[in-house]
Amino acid sequence: MAPMTAEPRSLVLASASPARLNLLRQAGLAPHVIVSGFDEDALQADSPSELALALAEAKAGVVAGLEEAAGALVIGCDSVLELDGEALGKPADAEEATARWKSMRGRAGVLRTGHCVIDTANGRRVSATASTTVRFGEPTDAEVAAYVASGEPLHVAGAFTLDGLSAPFIDGIDGDPGNVIGLSMPLLRSLLGELGVSITDLWA
């Protein structure tokens, strides 16, 4: 492993997710946001875990190639919910969100978030997927309808949030809660370490 460096580095989040940005800020980091604009439908993979990782790598790769990211550490993430072996991203519309929630009630799925960190100073990249089991409660049809009407599930992978309006409908999780919200801080620390960067050196 490369020696740890204490030099302050610029950090870029290649994601439009407010939840990911908030997680990083709460952990003392101050990333710039550059959205990749990558077409998520352009990629296919053999498993939900591989899909989440491939999307994270693609988004980080696009942003790392931009002039405004030169010299920075670029973080790309993407999340999917695995249920019955299928990768579920953001629902297409309210009807799909409603059907999704009715199928998830009383069951457990696995939230898989791909993470990719690229050091644009030397071109090195590391990536991995974090997985957290989510146990869904049993909201009534009326509660599901009210939640879908809020609009929140249309903007998030799996049609739910752990830190938002659907929190009362999640009975529990097994694993890292940050991963479900959008980014695993322990995994990020590990990936940065592989690049020879201590996360404490990135504190703002």
C-alpha atoms as a PDB file:
ATOM      1  CA  MET A   1       0.000   0.000   0.000  1.00  0.00           C
ATOM      2  CA  ALA A   2       1.189   3.495  -0.825  1.00  0.00           C
ATOM      3  CA  PRO A   3       2.149   5.687   2.122  1.00  0.00           C
ATOM      4  CA  MET A   4      -0.578   7.891   3.541  1.00  0.00           C
ATOM      5  CA  THR A   5      -0.431  11.493   2.393  1.00  0.00           C
ATOM      6  CA  ALA A   6      -1.461  14.521   4.409  1.00  0.00           C
ATOM      7  CA  GLU A   7      -1.800  16.799   1.418  1.00  0.00           C
ATOM      8  CA  PRO A   8      -5.282  18.281   1.107  1.00  0.00           C
ATOM      9  CA  ARG A   9      -7.049  17.017  -1.987  1.00  0.00           C
ATOM     10  CA  SER A  10     -10.018  18.282  -3.939  1.00  0.00           C
ATOM     11  CA  LEU A  11     -12.988  15.911  -3.780  1.00  0.00           C
ATOM     12  CA  VAL A  12     -15.635  15.572  -6.496  1.00  0.00           C
ATOM     13  CA  LEU A  13     -18.957  13.739  -6.154  1.00  0.00           C
ATOM     14  CA  ALA A  14     -20.109  12.449  -9.543  1.00  0.00           C
ATOM     15  CA  SER A  15     -23.747  12.275  -8.471  1.00  0.00           C
ATOM     16  CA  ALA A  16     -26.785  14.539  -8.322  1.00  0.00           C
ATOM     17  CA  SER A  17     -27.994  12.797  -5.142  1.00  0.00           C
ATOM     18  CA  PRO A  18     -28.616  15.255  -2.280  1.00  0.00           C
ATOM     19  CA  ALA A  19     -28.514  12.317   0.147  1.00  0.00           C
ATOM     20  CA  ARG A  20     -24.986  11.319  -0.914  1.00  0.00           C
ATOM     21  CA  LEU A  21     -23.785  14.905  -0.713  1.00  0.00           C
ATOM     22  CA  ASN A  22     -25.273  15.221   2.765  1.00  0.00           C
ATOM     23  CA  LEU A  23     -23.612  11.999   3.962  1.00  0.00           C
ATOM     24  CA  LEU A  24     -20.213  13.275   2.828  1.00  0.00           C
ATOM     25  CA  ARG A  25     -20.749  16.671   4.425  1.00  0.00           C
ATOM     26  CA  GLN A  26     -21.861  15.085   7.708  1.00  0.00           C
ATOM     27  CA  ALA A  27     -18.598  13.127   7.675  1.00  0.00           C
ATOM     28  CA  GLY A  28     -16.590  16.343   7.445  1.00  0.00           C
ATOM     29  CA  LEU A  29     -15.932  16.337   3.705  1.00  0.00           C
ATOM     30  CA  ALA A  30     -16.619  19.174   1.266  1.00  0.00           C
ATOM     31  CA  PRO A  31     -16.990  17.725  -2.224  1.00  0.00           C
ATOM     32  CA  HIS A  32     -17.793  19.634  -5.370  1.00  0.00           C
ATOM     33  CA  VAL A  33     -20.688  18.130  -7.315  1.00  0.00           C
ATOM     34  CA  ILE A  34     -20.275  17.393 -11.019  1.00  0.00           C
ATOM     35  CA  VAL A  35     -23.125  15.344 -12.491  1.00  0.00           C
ATOM     36  CA  SER A  36     -21.994  12.824 -15.088  1.00  0.00           C
ATOM     37  CA  GLY A  37     -25.121  12.831 -17.220  1.00  0.00           C
ATOM     38  CA  PHE A  38     -24.415   9.158 -17.977  1.00  0.00           C
ATOM     39  CA  ASP A  39     -27.370   7.244 -19.455  1.00  0.00           C
ATOM     40  CA  GLU A  40     -28.123   4.557 -16.858  1.00  0.00           C
ATOM     41  CA  ASP A  41     -30.152   2.548 -19.380  1.00  0.00           C
ATOM     42  CA  ALA A  42     -27.040   2.142 -21.544  1.00  0.00           C
ATOM     43  CA  LEU A  43     -25.554  -0.511 -19.268  1.00  0.00           C
ATOM     44  CA  GLN A  44     -26.484  -4.104 -18.582  1.00  0.00           C
ATOM     45  CA  ALA A  45     -24.879  -6.629 -16.236  1.00  0.00           C
ATOM     46  CA  ASP A  46     -25.234 -10.232 -15.117  1.00  0.00           C
ATOM     47  CA  SER A  47     -26.319  -9.352 -11.574  1.00  0.00           C
ATOM     48  CA  PRO A  48     -27.698  -6.381  -9.605  1.00  0.00           C
ATOM     49  CA  SER A  49     -24.391  -6.134  -7.722  1.00  0.00           C
ATOM     50  CA  GLU A  50     -22.398  -5.974 -10.959  1.00  0.00           C
ATOM     51  CA  LEU A  51     -24.848  -3.464 -12.434  1.00  0.00           C
ATOM     52  CA  ALA A  52     -24.503  -1.104  -9.453  1.00  0.00           C
ATOM     53  CA  LEU A  53     -20.719  -1.323  -9.706  1.00  0.00           C
ATOM     54  CA  ALA A  54     -20.637  -0.825 -13.487  1.00  0.00           C
ATOM     55  CA  LEU A  55     -22.856   2.259 -13.217  1.00  0.00           C
ATOM     56  CA  ALA A  56     -20.713   3.741 -10.442  1.00  0.00           C
ATOM     57  CA  GLU A  57     -17.556   3.159 -12.480  1.00  0.00           C
ATOM     58  CA  ALA A  58     -19.125   4.664 -15.597  1.00  0.00           C
ATOM     59  CA  LYS A  59     -20.289   7.808 -13.798  1.00  0.00           C
ATOM     60  CA  ALA A  60     -16.950   8.318 -12.062  1.00  0.00           C
ATOM     61  CA  GLY A  61     -15.125   7.698 -15.339  1.00  0.00           C
ATOM     62  CA  VAL A  62     -17.116  10.337 -17.232  1.00  0.00           C
ATOM     63  CA  VAL A  63     -16.499  12.993 -14.581  1.00  0.00           C
ATOM     64  CA  ALA A  64     -12.838  12.066 -14.083  1.00  0.00           C
ATOM     65  CA  GLY A  65     -12.270  12.870 -17.754  1.00  0.00           C
ATOM     66  CA  LEU A  66     -13.545  16.417 -17.397  1.00  0.00           C
ATOM     67  CA  GLU A  67     -11.134  19.339 -17.160  1.00  0.00           C
ATOM     68  CA  GLU A  68     -12.819  20.722 -14.018  1.00  0.00           C
ATOM     69  CA  ALA A  69     -12.075  17.467 -12.175  1.00  0.00           C
ATOM     70  CA  ALA A  70      -8.343  17.533 -12.952  1.00  0.00           C
ATOM     71  CA  GLY A  71      -6.253  16.633  -9.912  1.00  0.00           C
ATOM     72  CA  ALA A  72      -9.279  15.678  -7.829  1.00  0.00           C
ATOM     73  CA  LEU A  73     -10.441  12.471  -6.211  1.00  0.00           C
ATOM     74  CA  VAL A  74     -13.689  11.557  -7.985  1.00  0.00           C
ATOM     75  CA  ILE A  75     -16.367   9.487  -6.231  1.00  0.00           C
ATOM     76  CA  GLY A  76     -19.027   7.744  -8.295  1.00  0.00           C
ATOM     77  CA  CYS A  77     -21.912   5.783  -6.774  1.00  0.00           C
ATOM     78  CA  ASP A  78     -25.031   4.025  -7.951  1.00  0.00           C
ATOM     79  CA  SER A  79     -27.649   2.065  -6.045  1.00  0.00           C
ATOM     80  CA  VAL A  80     -30.134  -0.646  -7.005  1.00  0.00           C
ATOM     81  CA  LEU A  81     -32.472  -2.755  -4.903  1.00  0.00           C
ATOM     82  CA  GLU A  82     -32.183  -6.483  -5.497  1.00  0.00           C
ATOM     83  CA  LEU A  83     -35.480  -8.305  -5.079  1.00  0.00           C
ATOM     84  CA  ASP A  84     -36.072 -11.798  -6.479  1.00  0.00           C
ATOM     85  CA  GLY A  85     -32.729 -11.510  -8.290  1.00  0.00           C
ATOM     86  CA  GLU A  86     -33.861  -8.442 -10.206  1.00  0.00           C
ATOM     87  CA  ALA A  87     -32.238  -4.999 -10.074  1.00  0.00           C
ATOM     88  CA  LEU A  88     -34.779  -2.306  -9.258  1.00  0.00           C
ATOM     89  CA  GLY A  89     -33.781   1.299  -9.813  1.00  0.00           C
ATOM     90  CA  LYS A  90     -36.044   4.343  -9.821  1.00  0.00           C
ATOM     91  CA  PRO A  91     -39.646   3.496 -10.743  1.00  0.00           C
ATOM     92  CA  ALA A  92     -40.806   4.898 -14.084  1.00  0.00           C
ATOM     93  CA  ASP A  93     -44.066   6.328 -12.750  1.00  0.00           C
ATOM     94  CA  ALA A  94     -46.506   6.359  -9.839  1.00  0.00           C
ATOM     95  CA  GLU A  95     -48.182   3.166 -11.010  1.00  0.00           C
ATOM     96  CA  GLU A  96     -44.883   1.280 -10.964  1.00  0.00           C
ATOM     97  CA  ALA A  97     -43.974   2.733  -7.558  1.00  0.00           C
ATOM     98  CA  THR A  98     -47.301   1.556  -6.142  1.00  0.00           C
ATOM     99  CA  ALA A  99     -46.894  -1.951  -7.555  1.00  0.00           C
ATOM    100  CA  ARG A 100     -43.312  -2.047  -6.285  1.00  0.00           C
ATOM    101  CA  TRP A 101     -44.328  -1.219  -2.723  1.00  0.00           C
ATOM    102  CA  LYS A 102     -47.161  -3.740  -2.744  1.00  0.00           C
ATOM    103  CA  SER A 103     -44.692  -6.431  -3.837  1.00  0.00           C
ATOM    104  CA  MET A 104     -42.077  -5.412  -1.221  1.00  0.00           C
ATOM    105  CA  ARG A 105     -44.427  -5.370   1.796  1.00  0.00           C
ATOM    106  CA  GLY A 106     -43.418  -7.800   4.529  1.00  0.00           C
ATOM    107  CA  ARG A 107     -40.338  -8.927   2.600  1.00  0.00           C
ATOM    108  CA  ALA A 108     -36.612  -8.246   2.542  1.00  0.00           C
ATOM    109  CA  GLY A 109     -34.455  -6.968  -0.305  1.00  0.00           C
ATOM    110  CA  VAL A 110     -30.772  -6.171  -0.659  1.00  0.00           C
ATOM    111  CA  LEU A 111     -29.730  -2.603  -1.407  1.00  0.00           C
ATOM    112  CA  ARG A 112     -26.540  -2.729  -3.452  1.00  0.00           C
ATOM    113  CA  THR A 113     -24.473   0.432  -3.937  1.00  0.00           C
ATOM    114  CA  GLY A 114     -21.512   0.465  -6.275  1.00  0.00           C
ATOM    115  CA  HIS A 115     -18.659   2.772  -5.277  1.00  0.00           C
ATOM    116  CA  CYS A 116     -15.802   3.910  -7.510  1.00  0.00           C
ATOM    117  CA  VAL A 117     -13.021   6.323  -6.578  1.00  0.00           C
ATOM    118  CA  ILE A 118     -10.666   7.657  -9.247  1.00  0.00           C
ATOM    119  CA  ASP A 119      -7.514   9.628  -8.440  1.00  0.00           C
ATOM    120  CA  THR A 120      -7.247  11.897 -11.470  1.00  0.00           C
ATOM    121  CA  ALA A 121      -3.734  12.921 -10.414  1.00  0.00           C
ATOM    122  CA  ASN A 122      -2.379   9.491 -11.380  1.00  0.00           C
ATOM    123  CA  GLY A 123      -5.263   7.682 -13.070  1.00  0.00           C
ATOM    124  CA  ARG A 124      -5.588   5.000 -10.393  1.00  0.00           C
ATOM    125  CA  ARG A 125      -9.085   3.720  -9.665  1.00  0.00           C
ATOM    126  CA  VAL A 126     -10.606   1.400  -7.094  1.00  0.00           C
ATOM    127  CA  SER A 127     -14.169   0.142  -6.810  1.00  0.00           C
ATOM    128  CA  ALA A 128     -16.396  -2.177  -4.803  1.00  0.00           C
ATOM    129  CA  THR A 129     -20.047  -2.808  -4.019  1.00  0.00           C
ATOM    130  CA  ALA A 130     -21.580  -2.568  -0.542  1.00  0.00           C
ATOM    131  CA  SER A 131     -24.712  -4.572   0.279  1.00  0.00           C
ATOM    132  CA  THR A 132     -27.287  -4.009   3.025  1.00  0.00           C
ATOM    133  CA  THR A 133     -30.395  -6.097   3.679  1.00  0.00           C
ATOM    134  CA  VAL A 134     -33.568  -4.042   4.067  1.00  0.00           C
ATOM    135  CA  ARG A 135     -36.611  -5.484   5.864  1.00  0.00           C
ATOM    136  CA  PHE A 136     -39.794  -3.819   4.654  1.00  0.00           C
ATOM    137  CA  GLY A 137     -42.809  -3.325   6.889  1.00  0.00           C
ATOM    138  CA  GLU A 138     -46.405  -3.689   5.807  1.00  0.00           C
ATOM    139  CA  PRO A 139     -47.865  -0.263   5.041  1.00  0.00           C
ATOM    140  CA  THR A 140     -51.566  -0.240   4.211  1.00  0.00           C
ATOM    141  CA  ASP A 141     -52.824   0.483   0.695  1.00  0.00           C
ATOM    142  CA  ALA A 142     -53.757   3.975   1.904  1.00  0.00           C
ATOM    143  CA  GLU A 143     -50.255   4.567   3.299  1.00  0.00           C
ATOM    144  CA  VAL A 144     -48.673   3.346   0.057  1.00  0.00           C
ATOM    145  CA  ALA A 145     -50.953   5.646  -1.949  1.00  0.00           C
ATOM    146  CA  ALA A 146     -50.057   8.623   0.258  1.00  0.00           C
ATOM    147  CA  TYR A 147     -46.355   7.876  -0.032  1.00  0.00           C
ATOM    148  CA  VAL A 148     -46.461   7.527  -3.810  1.00  0.00           C
ATOM    149  CA  ALA A 149     -48.485  10.755  -4.035  1.00  0.00           C
ATOM    150  CA  SER A 150     -45.664  12.555  -2.191  1.00  0.00           C
ATOM    151  CA  GLY A 151     -43.461  11.992  -5.237  1.00  0.00           C
ATOM    152  CA  GLU A 152     -40.468  10.851  -3.171  1.00  0.00           C
ATOM    153  CA  PRO A 153     -40.313   7.216  -4.372  1.00  0.00           C
ATOM    154  CA  LEU A 154     -40.043   8.306  -8.007  1.00  0.00           C
ATOM    155  CA  HIS A 155     -36.611   9.825  -7.395  1.00  0.00           C
ATOM    156  CA  VAL A 156     -34.840   7.048  -5.496  1.00  0.00           C
ATOM    157  CA  ALA A 157     -33.538   3.547  -6.214  1.00  0.00           C
ATOM    158  CA  GLY A 158     -35.919   0.888  -4.971  1.00  0.00           C
ATOM    159  CA  ALA A 159     -38.714   3.466  -4.535  1.00  0.00           C
ATOM    160  CA  PHE A 160     -37.918   4.026  -0.854  1.00  0.00           C
ATOM    161  CA  THR A 161     -35.683   6.009   1.482  1.00  0.00           C
ATOM    162  CA  LEU A 162     -34.329   5.148   4.898  1.00  0.00           C
ATOM    163  CA  ASP A 163     -34.043   8.800   5.897  1.00  0.00           C
ATOM    164  CA  GLY A 164     -37.222  10.203   4.364  1.00  0.00           C
ATOM    165  CA  LEU A 165     -40.987   9.759   4.249  1.00  0.00           C
ATOM    166  CA  SER A 166     -40.866   5.966   3.973  1.00  0.00           C
ATOM    167  CA  ALA A 167     -38.760   5.544   7.144  1.00  0.00           C
ATOM    168  CA  PRO A 168     -41.845   4.367   9.130  1.00  0.00           C
ATOM    169  CA  PHE A 169     -42.350   1.573   6.583  1.00  0.00           C
ATOM    170  CA  ILE A 170     -38.865   0.077   7.035  1.00  0.00           C
ATOM    171  CA  ASP A 171     -38.793  -2.435   9.908  1.00  0.00           C
ATOM    172  CA  GLY A 172     -35.007  -2.677  10.000  1.00  0.00           C
ATOM    173  CA  ILE A 173     -31.770  -3.245   8.139  1.00  0.00           C
ATOM    174  CA  ASP A 174     -28.787  -5.563   8.407  1.00  0.00           C
ATOM    175  CA  GLY A 175     -25.612  -3.714   7.481  1.00  0.00           C
ATOM    176  CA  ASP A 176     -24.497  -0.144   6.881  1.00  0.00           C
ATOM    177  CA  PRO A 177     -27.372   2.387   6.972  1.00  0.00           C
ATOM    178  CA  GLY A 178     -25.349   4.932   4.972  1.00  0.00           C
ATOM    179  CA  ASN A 179     -25.172   2.427   2.134  1.00  0.00           C
ATOM    180  CA  VAL A 180     -28.974   2.395   1.951  1.00  0.00           C
ATOM    181  CA  ILE A 181     -29.090   6.194   1.995  1.00  0.00           C
ATOM    182  CA  GLY A 182     -26.643   6.212  -0.915  1.00  0.00           C
ATOM    183  CA  LEU A 183     -23.008   5.896   0.136  1.00  0.00           C
ATOM    184  CA  SER A 184     -21.105   3.647   2.543  1.00  0.00           C
ATOM    185  CA  MET A 185     -18.632   5.767   4.476  1.00  0.00           C
ATOM    186  CA  PRO A 186     -16.695   2.719   5.797  1.00  0.00           C
ATOM    187  CA  LEU A 187     -16.282   1.417   2.246  1.00  0.00           C
ATOM    188  CA  LEU A 188     -15.264   4.878   1.002  1.00  0.00           C
ATOM    189  CA  ARG A 189     -12.622   5.042   3.738  1.00  0.00           C
ATOM    190  CA  SER A 190     -11.319   1.633   2.654  1.00  0.00           C
ATOM    191  CA  LEU A 191     -11.201   2.581  -1.043  1.00  0.00           C
ATOM    192  CA  LEU A 192      -9.419   5.847  -0.289  1.00  0.00           C
ATOM    193  CA  GLY A 193      -6.923   3.871   1.794  1.00  0.00           C
ATOM    194  CA  GLU A 194      -6.172   1.672  -1.221  1.00  0.00           C
ATOM    195  CA  LEU A 195      -5.256   4.876  -3.067  1.00  0.00           C
ATOM    196  CA  GLY A 196      -2.985   5.952  -0.219  1.00  0.00           C
ATOM    197  CA  VAL A 197      -5.345   8.663   1.014  1.00  0.00           C
ATOM    198  CA  SER A 198      -6.485   8.954   4.639  1.00  0.00           C
ATOM    199  CA  ILE A 199     -10.078  10.148   4.935  1.00  0.00           C
ATOM    200  CA  THR A 200      -9.087  12.349   7.869  1.00  0.00           C
ATOM    201  CA  ASP A 201      -6.817  14.336   5.550  1.00  0.00           C
ATOM    202  CA  LEU A 202      -9.916  15.235   3.523  1.00  0.00           C
ATOM    203  CA  TRP A 203     -11.793  16.774   6.437  1.00  0.00           C
ATOM    204  CA  ALA A 204     -12.811  20.297   5.551  1.00  0.00           C
END
